Amino acid sequence: MSFWQKKSVLVTGASGFVGTHLVNSLISRKAEVVTFSKNEAPVIKNTAKVEIGTVEDFKKLNSVIRKNKIEIIYHL
């Protein structure tokens, strides 16, 4: 079993070049990915849950973390 399988991962800034590739890589490893970006989500090959917001909005960010039981955060 992969380390990433069933891990709940939040990726901020997922609409960029690096973020898109990171999200696709995590999904291919069976992680449960949630993206958090101020823009619409990028075209992602597989399924990721999309949340729109900014990291400056602490209440929204905290709500996303709690609601999705996030275990790992990549802040891009």
Protein backbone atom coordinates (compact mmCIF):
# COMPACT_ATOMS: atom_id res chain seq x y z
CA MET A 1 0.00 0.00 0.00
CA SER A 2 1.23 3.49 -0.88
CA PHE A 3 1.91 6.03 1.90
CA TRP A 4 -0.42 8.44 0.10
CA GLN A 5 -3.38 6.08 -0.23
CA LYS A 6 -6.39 7.59 1.56
CA LYS A 7 -4.34 10.52 2.94
CA SER A 8 -6.31 13.75 2.94
CA VAL A 9 -4.08 16.38 1.32
CA LEU A 10 -4.70 20.11 0.83
CA VAL A 11 -2.83 21.90 -1.96
CA THR A 12 -2.95 25.70 -1.97
CA GLY A 13 -2.17 27.46 -5.24
CA ALA A 14 -3.22 24.40 -7.23
CA SER A 15 -4.03 26.44 -10.34
CA GLY A 16 -0.35 27.02 -11.18
CA PHE A 17 2.07 24.87 -13.16
CA VAL A 18 3.68 23.22 -10.12
CA GLY A 19 0.37 22.86 -8.28
CA THR A 20 -1.32 21.13 -11.21
CA HIS A 21 1.48 18.59 -11.49
CA LEU A 22 1.56 18.03 -7.73
CA VAL A 23 -2.20 17.42 -7.61
CA ASN A 24 -2.05 14.96 -10.51
CA SER A 25 0.87 13.13 -8.88
CA LEU A 26 -0.93 12.85 -5.54
CA ILE A 27 -4.11 11.63 -7.20
CA SER A 28 -2.19 8.98 -9.11
CA ARG A 29 -0.91 7.78 -5.72
CA LYS A 30 -4.53 7.50 -4.46
CA ALA A 31 -4.46 10.51 -2.12
CA GLU A 32 -7.71 12.32 -1.41
CA VAL A 33 -6.82 15.77 -2.72
CA VAL A 34 -8.51 19.06 -1.93
CA THR A 35 -7.34 22.11 -3.85
CA PHE A 36 -7.54 25.64 -2.45
CA SER A 37 -7.02 28.42 -4.95
CA LYS A 38 -8.23 31.94 -5.55
CA ASN A 39 -8.89 31.09 -9.21
CA GLU A 40 -10.94 28.43 -10.86
CA ALA A 41 -9.28 25.04 -10.67
CA PRO A 42 -6.88 24.04 -13.41
CA VAL A 43 -7.67 21.25 -15.78
CA ILE A 44 -6.80 18.24 -13.65
CA LYS A 45 -6.70 14.80 -15.23
CA ASN A 46 -8.41 13.11 -12.34
CA THR A 47 -10.83 14.12 -9.64
CA ALA A 48 -9.90 16.52 -6.86
CA LYS A 49 -12.23 18.44 -4.59
CA VAL A 50 -12.03 22.15 -5.40
CA GLU A 51 -12.38 24.96 -2.86
CA ILE A 52 -12.15 28.61 -3.94
CA GLY A 53 -10.63 31.11 -1.53
CA THR A 54 -7.46 32.83 -0.39
CA VAL A 55 -5.07 31.80 2.37
CA GLU A 56 -5.55 35.25 3.87
CA ASP A 57 -9.14 34.25 4.71
CA PHE A 58 -8.26 32.22 7.81
CA LYS A 59 -11.88 31.33 8.64
CA LYS A 60 -12.48 29.84 5.19
CA LEU A 61 -9.13 28.02 5.18
CA ASN A 62 -9.71 26.63 8.67
CA SER A 63 -13.20 25.50 7.66
CA VAL A 64 -11.82 23.64 4.62
CA ILE A 65 -9.14 21.95 6.75
CA ARG A 66 -11.63 20.82 9.38
CA LYS A 67 -14.40 19.81 6.97
CA ASN A 68 -12.06 17.61 4.91
CA LYS A 69 -10.02 16.30 7.86
CA ILE A 70 -6.80 17.40 6.17
CA GLU A 71 -3.68 15.52 7.27
CA ILE A 72 -1.03 17.09 5.00
CA ILE A 73 -0.81 20.60 3.49
CA TYR A 74 1.28 21.72 0.53
CA HIS A 75 1.33 25.52 0.45
CA LEU A 76 2.34 26.79 -2.98
